[in-house]
Amino acid sequence: MKYNGEIFYRIAIFASILLMTLFLFGGVLMLNQVKAEDNKTIDEPKYTRGGFPKILDDDKWSSQLVYDTIGACYAGTIRWVILNNPSLAGQPPNPMAMRKMAEHCFCVIDIIRKEYKLDDYKVKVFDPDWTGETFMLKAMECVKKYKTLPSFFSIPSDNKTIIPKDPSNSTDEPQSQKEESIKEPETIFQG
């Protein structure tokens, strides 16, 4: 009987080793299975050089580009307003003034988007001279033609220059409008 028990024991060990080997190789084979995939159906997200998700086609203005352009316009608009109204320096704009300046920048960017192809704009925007001149010309066009920023600027009758609203120089406004004009530049930037 010793002989039969030893055979049974060896068969059990051999079977165990065989099963473990099959499980191991079976698992490895399943992990390394080759799958056929069509490269056209793989939809991996694409990113811009700056690391932003690229969702729109190359010929479309991305939200990031619109945001950056409006931000640059907004900063320039604040400098422009303060240059023309030095008494406003150091005062944060109130929410209504902020909205008016943003609307002005919407006008500026819409004119730029209408006049320039995106590829041209992306190249030219890095030239500070072109950018400064273009933004200023478009900003003046928005103020004159589309009446943006009426609280900050008045347009003289010759339509050649934009000057700051100075109620003390104006004699053709009724008294009630003069009083409103006097108050407006002082309160427009208060928070």
N, C-alpha and C. Protein backbone atom coordinates (compact mmCIF):
# COMPACT_ATOMS: atom_id res chain seq x y z
N MET A 1 0.80 -1.18 0.00
CA MET A 1 0.00 0.00 0.00
C MET A 1 0.85 1.26 0.00
N LYS A 2 2.01 1.07 0.49
CA LYS A 2 2.89 2.20 0.47
C LYS A 2 3.14 2.65 -0.96
N TYR A 3 3.22 1.71 -1.82
CA TYR A 3 3.47 1.99 -3.22
C TYR A 3 2.32 2.76 -3.84
N ASN A 4 1.07 2.40 -3.58
CA ASN A 4 -0.12 3.06 -4.14
C ASN A 4 -0.26 4.48 -3.59
N GLY A 5 0.05 4.68 -2.35
CA GLY A 5 -0.04 6.02 -1.75
C GLY A 5 0.98 6.96 -2.34
N GLU A 6 2.16 6.44 -2.61
CA GLU A 6 3.20 7.27 -3.19
C GLU A 6 2.84 7.67 -4.61
N ILE A 7 2.28 6.79 -5.36
CA ILE A 7 1.85 7.09 -6.74
C ILE A 7 0.74 8.13 -6.73
N PHE A 8 -0.20 7.92 -5.83
CA PHE A 8 -1.30 8.88 -5.73
C PHE A 8 -0.75 10.26 -5.37
N TYR A 9 0.20 10.29 -4.44
CA TYR A 9 0.80 11.55 -4.00
C TYR A 9 1.52 12.21 -5.17
N ARG A 10 2.28 11.51 -5.95
CA ARG A 10 3.01 12.05 -7.09
C ARG A 10 2.06 12.53 -8.18
N ILE A 11 1.00 11.81 -8.40
CA ILE A 11 0.00 12.23 -9.41
C ILE A 11 -0.67 13.52 -8.96
N ALA A 12 -0.99 13.64 -7.68
CA ALA A 12 -1.63 14.84 -7.16
C ALA A 12 -0.70 16.04 -7.30
N ILE A 13 0.57 15.88 -6.99
CA ILE A 13 1.54 16.98 -7.10
C ILE A 13 1.72 17.36 -8.58
N PHE A 14 1.85 16.37 -9.45
CA PHE A 14 2.00 16.64 -10.87
C PHE A 14 0.78 17.37 -11.42
N ALA A 15 -0.39 16.95 -11.03
CA ALA A 15 -1.63 17.59 -11.49
C ALA A 15 -1.71 19.03 -10.98
N SER A 16 -1.31 19.25 -9.74
CA SER A 16 -1.32 20.60 -9.17
C SER A 16 -0.36 21.51 -9.93
N ILE A 17 0.84 21.01 -10.18
CA ILE A 17 1.83 21.80 -10.91
C ILE A 17 1.34 22.08 -12.33
N LEU A 18 0.74 21.11 -12.96
CA LEU A 18 0.21 21.27 -14.31
C LEU A 18 -0.90 22.32 -14.34
N LEU A 19 -1.81 22.25 -13.38
CA LEU A 19 -2.89 23.24 -13.33
C LEU A 19 -2.35 24.64 -13.07
N MET A 20 -1.40 24.76 -12.14
CA MET A 20 -0.83 26.09 -11.87
C MET A 20 -0.11 26.62 -13.11
N THR A 21 0.59 25.77 -13.80
CA THR A 21 1.30 26.18 -15.02
C THR A 21 0.30 26.63 -16.07
N LEU A 22 -0.78 25.90 -16.24
CA LEU A 22 -1.81 26.29 -17.22
C LEU A 22 -2.44 27.62 -16.85
N PHE A 23 -2.72 27.82 -15.57
CA PHE A 23 -3.31 29.10 -15.13
C PHE A 23 -2.34 30.25 -15.39
N LEU A 24 -1.07 30.05 -15.06
CA LEU A 24 -0.08 31.11 -15.27
C LEU A 24 0.08 31.43 -16.75
N PHE A 25 0.31 30.42 -17.57
CA PHE A 25 0.48 30.67 -19.00
C PHE A 25 -0.81 31.14 -19.65
N GLY A 26 -1.90 30.67 -19.19
CA GLY A 26 -3.20 31.12 -19.71
C GLY A 26 -3.41 32.59 -19.42
N GLY A 27 -3.08 33.02 -18.20
CA GLY A 27 -3.21 34.43 -17.84
C GLY A 27 -2.25 35.30 -18.64
N VAL A 28 -1.02 34.84 -18.80
CA VAL A 28 -0.03 35.60 -19.57
C VAL A 28 -0.47 35.69 -21.02
N LEU A 29 -0.97 34.60 -21.55
CA LEU A 29 -1.43 34.62 -22.94
C LEU A 29 -2.62 35.56 -23.11
N MET A 30 -3.49 35.62 -22.13
CA MET A 30 -4.65 36.51 -22.23
C MET A 30 -4.21 37.97 -22.15
N LEU A 31 -3.19 38.26 -21.34
CA LEU A 31 -2.71 39.63 -21.23
C LEU A 31 -2.01 40.10 -22.49
N ASN A 32 -1.35 39.20 -23.16
CA ASN A 32 -0.57 39.55 -24.34
C ASN A 32 -1.30 39.28 -25.65
N GLN A 33 -2.60 39.20 -25.58
CA GLN A 33 -3.33 38.95 -26.82
C GLN A 33 -3.20 40.13 -27.75
N VAL A 34 -3.02 39.88 -29.00
CA VAL A 34 -2.94 40.92 -30.00
C VAL A 34 -4.36 41.24 -30.46
N LYS A 35 -4.67 42.54 -30.43
CA LYS A 35 -6.01 42.96 -30.86
C LYS A 35 -5.87 43.78 -32.13
N ALA A 36 -6.72 43.55 -33.05
CA ALA A 36 -6.73 44.33 -34.29
C ALA A 36 -7.64 45.53 -34.09
N GLU A 37 -7.09 46.73 -34.37
CA GLU A 37 -7.88 47.96 -34.25
C GLU A 37 -7.68 48.81 -35.48
N ASP A 38 -8.72 49.49 -35.88
CA ASP A 38 -8.65 50.42 -36.99
C ASP A 38 -8.17 51.76 -36.45
N ASN A 39 -7.07 52.27 -36.98
CA ASN A 39 -6.51 53.52 -36.47
C ASN A 39 -7.46 54.70 -36.61
N LYS A 40 -8.37 54.65 -37.52
CA LYS A 40 -9.29 55.76 -37.73
C LYS A 40 -10.35 55.85 -36.63
N THR A 41 -10.59 54.78 -35.93
CA THR A 41 -11.62 54.81 -34.89
C THR A 41 -11.06 55.14 -33.52
N ILE A 42 -9.74 55.21 -33.40
CA ILE A 42 -9.15 55.57 -32.11
C ILE A 42 -9.29 57.07 -31.95
N ASP A 43 -9.94 57.48 -30.88
CA ASP A 43 -10.21 58.90 -30.65
C ASP A 43 -9.46 59.37 -29.41
N GLU A 44 -8.17 59.64 -29.59
CA GLU A 44 -7.37 60.13 -28.47
C GLU A 44 -7.46 61.65 -28.46
N PRO A 45 -7.58 62.26 -27.29
CA PRO A 45 -7.65 63.72 -27.24
C PRO A 45 -6.36 64.37 -27.74
N LYS A 46 -6.52 65.50 -28.41
CA LYS A 46 -5.37 66.24 -28.91
C LYS A 46 -5.22 67.50 -28.07
N TYR A 47 -3.98 67.99 -27.98
CA TYR A 47 -3.70 69.17 -27.17
C TYR A 47 -2.90 70.18 -27.97
N THR A 48 -3.04 71.44 -27.62
CA THR A 48 -2.26 72.50 -28.25
C THR A 48 -0.85 72.47 -27.67
N ARG A 49 0.04 73.30 -28.23
CA ARG A 49 1.40 73.36 -27.70
C ARG A 49 1.41 73.85 -26.26
N GLY A 50 0.40 74.63 -25.88
CA GLY A 50 0.31 75.13 -24.52
C GLY A 50 -0.30 74.13 -23.56
N GLY A 51 -0.73 72.97 -24.06
CA GLY A 51 -1.29 71.93 -23.20
C GLY A 51 -2.80 72.01 -23.03
N PHE A 52 -3.45 72.89 -23.80
CA PHE A 52 -4.90 73.00 -23.71
C PHE A 52 -5.56 71.99 -24.63
N PRO A 53 -6.71 71.45 -24.25
CA PRO A 53 -7.39 70.50 -25.13
C PRO A 53 -7.75 71.16 -26.46
N LYS A 54 -7.48 70.47 -27.54
CA LYS A 54 -7.79 70.99 -28.87
C LYS A 54 -9.10 70.35 -29.31
N ILE A 55 -10.16 71.14 -29.27
CA ILE A 55 -11.49 70.63 -29.57
C ILE A 55 -11.96 71.12 -30.93
N LEU A 56 -11.69 72.39 -31.24
CA LEU A 56 -12.13 72.99 -32.49
C LEU A 56 -11.12 72.74 -33.60
N ASP A 57 -11.55 72.94 -34.83
CA ASP A 57 -10.65 72.83 -35.97
C ASP A 57 -9.62 73.95 -35.93
N ASP A 58 -8.56 73.80 -36.71
CA ASP A 58 -7.47 74.78 -36.71
C ASP A 58 -7.91 76.16 -37.17
N ASP A 59 -8.95 76.24 -37.99
CA ASP A 59 -9.36 77.53 -38.53
C ASP A 59 -10.43 78.22 -37.69
N LYS A 60 -10.64 77.80 -36.46
CA LYS A 60 -11.64 78.39 -35.56
C LYS A 60 -10.95 79.06 -34.38
N TRP A 61 -11.56 80.13 -33.89
CA TRP A 61 -11.04 80.84 -32.71
C TRP A 61 -11.39 80.02 -31.47
N SER A 62 -10.39 79.51 -30.78
CA SER A 62 -10.65 78.75 -29.56
C SER A 62 -11.06 79.71 -28.44
N SER A 63 -11.73 79.19 -27.46
CA SER A 63 -12.13 80.01 -26.30
C SER A 63 -10.91 80.60 -25.62
N GLN A 64 -9.83 79.84 -25.57
CA GLN A 64 -8.61 80.33 -24.94
C GLN A 64 -8.06 81.54 -25.68
N LEU A 65 -8.06 81.52 -27.01
CA LEU A 65 -7.57 82.66 -27.79
C LEU A 65 -8.48 83.86 -27.63
N VAL A 66 -9.80 83.64 -27.62
CA VAL A 66 -10.75 84.73 -27.41
C VAL A 66 -10.54 85.34 -26.02
N TYR A 67 -10.41 84.48 -25.02
CA TYR A 67 -10.22 84.95 -23.64
C TYR A 67 -8.93 85.76 -23.51
N ASP A 68 -7.83 85.24 -24.07
CA ASP A 68 -6.56 85.95 -24.00
C ASP A 68 -6.62 87.29 -24.71
N THR A 69 -7.28 87.32 -25.87
CA THR A 69 -7.39 88.56 -26.64
C THR A 69 -8.25 89.58 -25.91
N ILE A 70 -9.36 89.14 -25.34
CA ILE A 70 -10.21 90.06 -24.59
C ILE A 70 -9.49 90.54 -23.34
N GLY A 71 -8.73 89.66 -22.69
CA GLY A 71 -7.97 90.07 -21.51
C GLY A 71 -6.94 91.14 -21.85
N ALA A 72 -6.25 90.98 -22.98
CA ALA A 72 -5.27 91.99 -23.41
C ALA A 72 -5.97 93.30 -23.75
N CYS A 73 -7.10 93.21 -24.43
CA CYS A 73 -7.87 94.40 -24.77
C CYS A 73 -8.35 95.10 -23.51
N TYR A 74 -8.83 94.33 -22.56
CA TYR A 74 -9.37 94.89 -21.31
C TYR A 74 -8.27 95.64 -20.54
N ALA A 75 -7.10 95.04 -20.45
CA ALA A 75 -5.98 95.70 -19.76
C ALA A 75 -5.60 96.99 -20.48
N GLY A 76 -5.58 96.93 -21.82
CA GLY A 76 -5.28 98.13 -22.59
C GLY A 76 -6.36 99.19 -22.43
N THR A 77 -7.61 98.77 -22.33
CA THR A 77 -8.72 99.71 -22.16
C THR A 77 -8.61 100.43 -20.82
N ILE A 78 -8.25 99.71 -19.79
CA ILE A 78 -8.08 100.36 -18.48
C ILE A 78 -6.97 101.40 -18.56
N ARG A 79 -5.84 101.05 -19.20
CA ARG A 79 -4.75 102.02 -19.35
C ARG A 79 -5.21 103.24 -20.17
N TRP A 80 -5.99 102.99 -21.21
CA TRP A 80 -6.48 104.05 -22.09
C TRP A 80 -7.41 104.98 -21.31
N VAL A 81 -8.32 104.42 -20.54
CA VAL A 81 -9.25 105.22 -19.75
C VAL A 81 -8.49 106.05 -18.72
N ILE A 82 -7.52 105.45 -18.05
CA ILE A 82 -6.77 106.17 -17.02
C ILE A 82 -5.90 107.27 -17.66
N LEU A 83 -5.36 107.00 -18.84
CA LEU A 83 -4.59 108.03 -19.54
C LEU A 83 -5.47 109.25 -19.83
N ASN A 84 -6.70 109.00 -20.20
CA ASN A 84 -7.61 110.09 -20.53
C ASN A 84 -8.36 110.64 -19.32
N ASN A 85 -8.36 109.92 -18.22
CA ASN A 85 -9.01 110.35 -16.99
C ASN A 85 -8.08 110.03 -15.82
N PRO A 86 -6.99 110.78 -15.65
CA PRO A 86 -5.99 110.45 -14.62
C PRO A 86 -6.57 110.39 -13.21
N SER A 87 -7.66 111.07 -12.96
CA SER A 87 -8.24 111.05 -11.62
C SER A 87 -8.78 109.66 -11.25
N LEU A 88 -8.93 108.79 -12.23
CA LEU A 88 -9.45 107.45 -11.97
C LEU A 88 -8.34 106.46 -11.58
N ALA A 89 -7.09 106.88 -11.66
CA ALA A 89 -5.98 105.99 -11.35
C ALA A 89 -6.09 105.50 -9.91
N GLY A 90 -5.87 104.22 -9.72
CA GLY A 90 -5.89 103.63 -8.40
C GLY A 90 -7.27 103.22 -7.91
N GLN A 91 -8.31 103.57 -8.68
CA GLN A 91 -9.67 103.20 -8.27
C GLN A 91 -10.09 101.95 -9.04
N PRO A 92 -10.53 100.93 -8.35
CA PRO A 92 -11.00 99.75 -9.08
C PRO A 92 -12.33 100.05 -9.79
N PRO A 93 -12.51 99.53 -11.00
CA PRO A 93 -13.77 99.78 -11.70
C PRO A 93 -14.93 99.09 -11.00
N ASN A 94 -16.09 99.73 -11.01
CA ASN A 94 -17.27 99.08 -10.44
C ASN A 94 -17.80 98.06 -11.45
N PRO A 95 -18.70 97.19 -11.05
CA PRO A 95 -19.17 96.14 -11.97
C PRO A 95 -19.76 96.67 -13.28
N MET A 96 -20.46 97.79 -13.23
CA MET A 96 -21.04 98.33 -14.47
C MET A 96 -19.93 98.82 -15.41
N ALA A 97 -18.90 99.47 -14.86
CA ALA A 97 -17.78 99.92 -15.68
C ALA A 97 -17.03 98.72 -16.27
N MET A 98 -16.87 97.68 -15.47
CA MET A 98 -16.21 96.46 -15.95
C MET A 98 -16.98 95.86 -17.12
N ARG A 99 -18.29 95.84 -16.99
CA ARG A 99 -19.13 95.28 -18.07
C ARG A 99 -19.01 96.12 -19.34
N LYS A 100 -19.03 97.44 -19.19
CA LYS A 100 -18.92 98.33 -20.36
C LYS A 100 -17.57 98.14 -21.06
N MET A 101 -16.51 97.98 -20.29
CA MET A 101 -15.20 97.77 -20.89
C MET A 101 -15.13 96.40 -21.58
N ALA A 102 -15.76 95.39 -20.98
CA ALA A 102 -15.80 94.06 -21.62
C ALA A 102 -16.59 94.13 -22.92
N GLU A 103 -17.72 94.83 -22.91
CA GLU A 103 -18.51 94.97 -24.14
C GLU A 103 -17.70 95.68 -25.22
N HIS A 104 -16.94 96.68 -24.82
CA HIS A 104 -16.06 97.38 -25.76
C HIS A 104 -15.06 96.40 -26.37
N CYS A 105 -14.48 95.54 -25.54
CA CYS A 105 -13.50 94.56 -26.04
C CYS A 105 -14.16 93.50 -26.92
N PHE A 106 -15.42 93.18 -26.64
CA PHE A 106 -16.15 92.26 -27.54
C PHE A 106 -16.23 92.89 -28.93
N CYS A 107 -16.50 94.18 -28.97
CA CYS A 107 -16.56 94.90 -30.24
C CYS A 107 -15.21 94.84 -30.95
N VAL A 108 -14.15 95.14 -30.22
CA VAL A 108 -12.80 95.15 -30.80
C VAL A 108 -12.45 93.78 -31.37
N ILE A 109 -12.67 92.74 -30.61
CA ILE A 109 -12.29 91.40 -31.10
C ILE A 109 -13.18 90.97 -32.27
N ASP A 110 -14.44 91.36 -32.27
CA ASP A 110 -15.30 90.99 -33.40
C ASP A 110 -14.83 91.66 -34.69
N ILE A 111 -14.40 92.93 -34.60
CA ILE A 111 -13.87 93.61 -35.78
C ILE A 111 -12.59 92.93 -36.26
N ILE A 112 -11.71 92.58 -35.32
CA ILE A 112 -10.46 91.90 -35.68
C ILE A 112 -10.77 90.55 -36.32
N ARG A 113 -11.69 89.80 -35.75
CA ARG A 113 -12.04 88.48 -36.29
C ARG A 113 -12.65 88.60 -37.68
N LYS A 114 -13.35 89.70 -37.92
CA LYS A 114 -13.98 89.91 -39.24
C LYS A 114 -12.92 90.28 -40.29
N GLU A 115 -11.91 91.04 -39.89
CA GLU A 115 -10.93 91.56 -40.85
C GLU A 115 -9.75 90.62 -41.11
N TYR A 116 -9.36 89.84 -40.11
CA TYR A 116 -8.14 89.04 -40.24
C TYR A 116 -8.45 87.56 -40.17
N LYS A 117 -7.77 86.82 -41.04
CA LYS A 117 -7.86 85.36 -40.96
C LYS A 117 -7.11 84.92 -39.70
N LEU A 118 -7.55 83.83 -39.12
CA LEU A 118 -6.98 83.36 -37.87
C LEU A 118 -5.48 83.11 -37.97
N ASP A 119 -5.04 82.48 -39.05
CA ASP A 119 -3.60 82.19 -39.20
C ASP A 119 -2.79 83.48 -39.24
N ASP A 120 -3.29 84.50 -39.95
CA ASP A 120 -2.59 85.79 -40.01
C ASP A 120 -2.54 86.43 -38.63
N TYR A 121 -3.66 86.38 -37.92
CA TYR A 121 -3.73 86.99 -36.59
C TYR A 121 -2.74 86.32 -35.64
N LYS A 122 -2.68 84.99 -35.68
CA LYS A 122 -1.78 84.26 -34.78
C LYS A 122 -0.32 84.62 -35.01
N VAL A 123 0.03 84.98 -36.23
CA VAL A 123 1.40 85.38 -36.52
C VAL A 123 1.63 86.83 -36.11
N LYS A 124 0.70 87.71 -36.49
CA LYS A 124 0.89 89.15 -36.27
C LYS A 124 0.75 89.56 -34.80
N VAL A 125 -0.02 88.82 -34.02
CA VAL A 125 -0.30 89.24 -32.64
C VAL A 125 0.97 89.28 -31.78
N PHE A 126 2.01 88.60 -32.19
CA PHE A 126 3.25 88.62 -31.42
C PHE A 126 4.13 89.82 -31.74
N ASP A 127 3.73 90.62 -32.73
CA ASP A 127 4.44 91.86 -33.04
C ASP A 127 3.80 92.98 -32.22
N PRO A 128 4.49 93.50 -31.21
CA PRO A 128 3.87 94.49 -30.33
C PRO A 128 3.43 95.77 -31.05
N ASP A 129 4.18 96.16 -32.08
CA ASP A 129 3.78 97.37 -32.82
C ASP A 129 2.47 97.15 -33.56
N TRP A 130 2.37 96.01 -34.26
CA TRP A 130 1.14 95.71 -34.99
C TRP A 130 -0.03 95.58 -34.02
N THR A 131 0.18 94.87 -32.93
CA THR A 131 -0.89 94.64 -31.97
C THR A 131 -1.37 95.95 -31.35
N GLY A 132 -0.44 96.78 -30.91
CA GLY A 132 -0.82 98.05 -30.30
C GLY A 132 -1.59 98.93 -31.26
N GLU A 133 -1.07 99.05 -32.48
CA GLU A 133 -1.73 99.90 -33.47
C GLU A 133 -3.10 99.35 -33.86
N THR A 134 -3.17 98.05 -34.11
CA THR A 134 -4.43 97.45 -34.53
C THR A 134 -5.48 97.57 -33.44
N PHE A 135 -5.11 97.23 -32.21
CA PHE A 135 -6.08 97.31 -31.12
C PHE A 135 -6.56 98.75 -30.91
N MET A 136 -5.64 99.71 -31.01
CA MET A 136 -6.03 101.10 -30.81
C MET A 136 -6.96 101.57 -31.92
N LEU A 137 -6.64 101.23 -33.17
CA LEU A 137 -7.52 101.64 -34.27
C LEU A 137 -8.91 101.01 -34.14
N LYS A 138 -8.94 99.73 -33.79
CA LYS A 138 -10.24 99.05 -33.64
C LYS A 138 -10.99 99.59 -32.43
N ALA A 139 -10.26 99.93 -31.37
CA ALA A 139 -10.91 100.50 -30.18
C ALA A 139 -11.54 101.84 -30.51
N MET A 140 -10.80 102.66 -31.26
CA MET A 140 -11.36 103.97 -31.64
C MET A 140 -12.56 103.79 -32.56
N GLU A 141 -12.50 102.81 -33.45
CA GLU A 141 -13.64 102.53 -34.33
C GLU A 141 -14.86 102.12 -33.51
N CYS A 142 -14.65 101.31 -32.49
CA CYS A 142 -15.77 100.90 -31.64
C CYS A 142 -16.37 102.08 -30.89
N VAL A 143 -15.51 102.96 -30.39
CA VAL A 143 -16.00 104.13 -29.65
C VAL A 143 -16.77 105.06 -30.57
N LYS A 144 -16.22 105.31 -31.76
CA LYS A 144 -16.86 106.25 -32.69
C LYS A 144 -18.09 105.66 -33.37
N LYS A 145 -17.92 104.51 -33.98
CA LYS A 145 -18.98 103.94 -34.81
C LYS A 145 -20.05 103.22 -34.00
N TYR A 146 -19.63 102.47 -32.98
CA TYR A 146 -20.57 101.64 -32.24
C TYR A 146 -20.89 102.19 -30.85
N LYS A 147 -20.33 103.36 -30.54
CA LYS A 147 -20.63 104.09 -29.29
C LYS A 147 -20.34 103.28 -28.04
N THR A 148 -19.23 102.53 -28.05
CA THR A 148 -18.83 101.82 -26.83
C THR A 148 -18.16 102.80 -25.89
N LEU A 149 -18.15 102.50 -24.63
CA LEU A 149 -17.54 103.31 -23.58
C LEU A 149 -18.04 104.75 -23.55
N PRO A 150 -19.35 104.99 -23.66
CA PRO A 150 -19.84 106.37 -23.66
C PRO A 150 -19.59 107.09 -22.33
N SER A 151 -19.46 106.36 -21.25
CA SER A 151 -19.24 106.98 -19.94
C SER A 151 -17.81 107.51 -19.79
N PHE A 152 -16.89 107.02 -20.61
CA PHE A 152 -15.49 107.39 -20.46
C PHE A 152 -15.02 108.42 -21.48
N PHE A 153 -15.61 108.39 -22.68
CA PHE A 153 -15.14 109.25 -23.75
C PHE A 153 -16.30 109.98 -24.41
N SER A 154 -16.01 111.18 -24.91
CA SER A 154 -16.98 111.86 -25.76
C SER A 154 -16.29 112.08 -27.10
N ILE A 155 -17.08 112.16 -28.14
CA ILE A 155 -16.53 112.30 -29.48
C ILE A 155 -16.76 113.74 -29.93
N PRO A 156 -15.70 114.45 -30.29
CA PRO A 156 -15.87 115.81 -30.76
C PRO A 156 -16.57 115.85 -32.10
N SER A 157 -17.05 117.01 -32.45
CA SER A 157 -17.83 117.14 -33.68
C SER A 157 -17.02 116.87 -34.93
N ASP A 158 -15.68 117.03 -34.90
CA ASP A 158 -14.88 116.79 -36.10
C ASP A 158 -14.64 115.30 -36.37
N ASN A 159 -14.99 114.44 -35.43
CA ASN A 159 -14.84 112.98 -35.56
C ASN A 159 -13.42 112.55 -35.90
N LYS A 160 -12.42 113.36 -35.56
CA LYS A 160 -11.05 112.97 -35.85
C LYS A 160 -10.34 112.42 -34.63
N THR A 161 -10.71 112.90 -33.47
CA THR A 161 -10.02 112.45 -32.27
C THR A 161 -11.02 112.07 -31.20
N ILE A 162 -10.53 111.32 -30.26
CA ILE A 162 -11.35 110.94 -29.12
C ILE A 162 -10.76 111.64 -27.92
N ILE A 163 -11.58 112.36 -27.20
CA ILE A 163 -11.08 113.08 -26.03
C ILE A 163 -11.84 112.62 -24.81
N PRO A 164 -11.25 112.79 -23.65
CA PRO A 164 -11.97 112.40 -22.44
C PRO A 164 -13.13 113.34 -22.20
N LYS A 165 -14.14 112.81 -21.56
CA LYS A 165 -15.31 113.61 -21.22
C LYS A 165 -14.89 114.59 -20.12
N ASP A 166 -14.97 115.86 -20.41
CA ASP A 166 -14.62 116.88 -19.43
C ASP A 166 -15.80 117.85 -19.34
N PRO A 167 -16.64 117.70 -18.35
CA PRO A 167 -17.85 118.49 -18.29
C PRO A 167 -17.60 119.98 -18.10
N SER A 168 -16.46 120.39 -17.59
CA SER A 168 -16.21 121.81 -17.36
C SER A 168 -16.01 122.56 -18.68
N ASN A 169 -15.60 121.88 -19.77
CA ASN A 169 -15.38 122.54 -21.05
C ASN A 169 -16.64 122.62 -21.90
N SER A 170 -17.64 121.86 -21.60
CA SER A 170 -18.83 121.79 -22.43
C SER A 170 -19.82 122.88 -22.05
N THR A 171 -20.32 123.61 -23.09
CA THR A 171 -21.30 124.66 -22.84
C THR A 171 -22.62 124.38 -23.52
N ASP A 172 -22.67 123.33 -24.34
CA ASP A 172 -23.89 123.06 -25.09
C ASP A 172 -24.79 122.01 -24.44
N GLU A 173 -24.44 121.49 -23.27
CA GLU A 173 -25.27 120.51 -22.59
C GLU A 173 -26.24 121.21 -21.65
N PRO A 174 -27.43 120.69 -21.50
CA PRO A 174 -28.33 121.24 -20.49
C PRO A 174 -27.73 121.02 -19.10
N GLN A 175 -28.18 121.82 -18.13
CA GLN A 175 -27.62 121.77 -16.78
C GLN A 175 -27.73 120.37 -16.16
N SER A 176 -28.85 119.66 -16.37
CA SER A 176 -29.01 118.33 -15.76
C SER A 176 -27.98 117.34 -16.31
N GLN A 177 -27.68 117.43 -17.61
CA GLN A 177 -26.68 116.54 -18.18
C GLN A 177 -25.28 116.90 -17.68
N LYS A 178 -25.02 118.20 -17.47
CA LYS A 178 -23.73 118.61 -16.92
C LYS A 178 -23.53 118.03 -15.53
N GLU A 179 -24.54 118.04 -14.73
CA GLU A 179 -24.42 117.50 -13.38
C GLU A 179 -24.15 116.00 -13.40
N GLU A 180 -24.83 115.28 -14.31
CA GLU A 180 -24.59 113.84 -14.44
C GLU A 180 -23.16 113.58 -14.91
N SER A 181 -22.70 114.40 -15.89
CA SER A 181 -21.35 114.21 -16.42
C SER A 181 -20.30 114.49 -15.35
N ILE A 182 -20.58 115.45 -14.49
CA ILE A 182 -19.62 115.78 -13.45
C ILE A 182 -19.48 114.62 -12.47
N LYS A 183 -20.57 113.98 -12.14
CA LYS A 183 -20.54 112.87 -11.18
C LYS A 183 -19.96 111.60 -11.78
N GLU A 184 -20.24 111.34 -13.04
CA GLU A 184 -19.93 110.05 -13.63
C GLU A 184 -18.46 109.66 -13.60
N PRO A 185 -17.51 110.51 -14.05
CA PRO A 185 -16.12 110.06 -14.02
C PRO A 185 -15.60 109.78 -12.62
N GLU A 186 -16.15 110.44 -11.61
CA GLU A 186 -15.68 110.21 -10.26
C GLU A 186 -16.18 108.89 -9.69
N THR A 187 -17.34 108.43 -10.12
CA THR A 187 -17.94 107.24 -9.52
C THR A 187 -17.83 106.00 -10.38
N ILE A 188 -17.43 106.13 -11.62
CA ILE A 188 -17.47 104.99 -12.52
C ILE A 188 -16.51 103.87 -12.11
N PHE A 189 -15.38 104.20 -11.47
CA PHE A 189 -14.41 103.18 -11.08
C PHE A 189 -14.52 102.77 -9.63
N GLN A 190 -15.43 103.35 -8.89
CA GLN A 190 -15.53 102.99 -7.47
C GLN A 190 -16.15 101.62 -7.32
N GLY A 191 -15.65 100.84 -6.36
CA GLY A 191 -16.08 99.46 -6.17
C GLY A 191 -17.14 99.28 -5.19
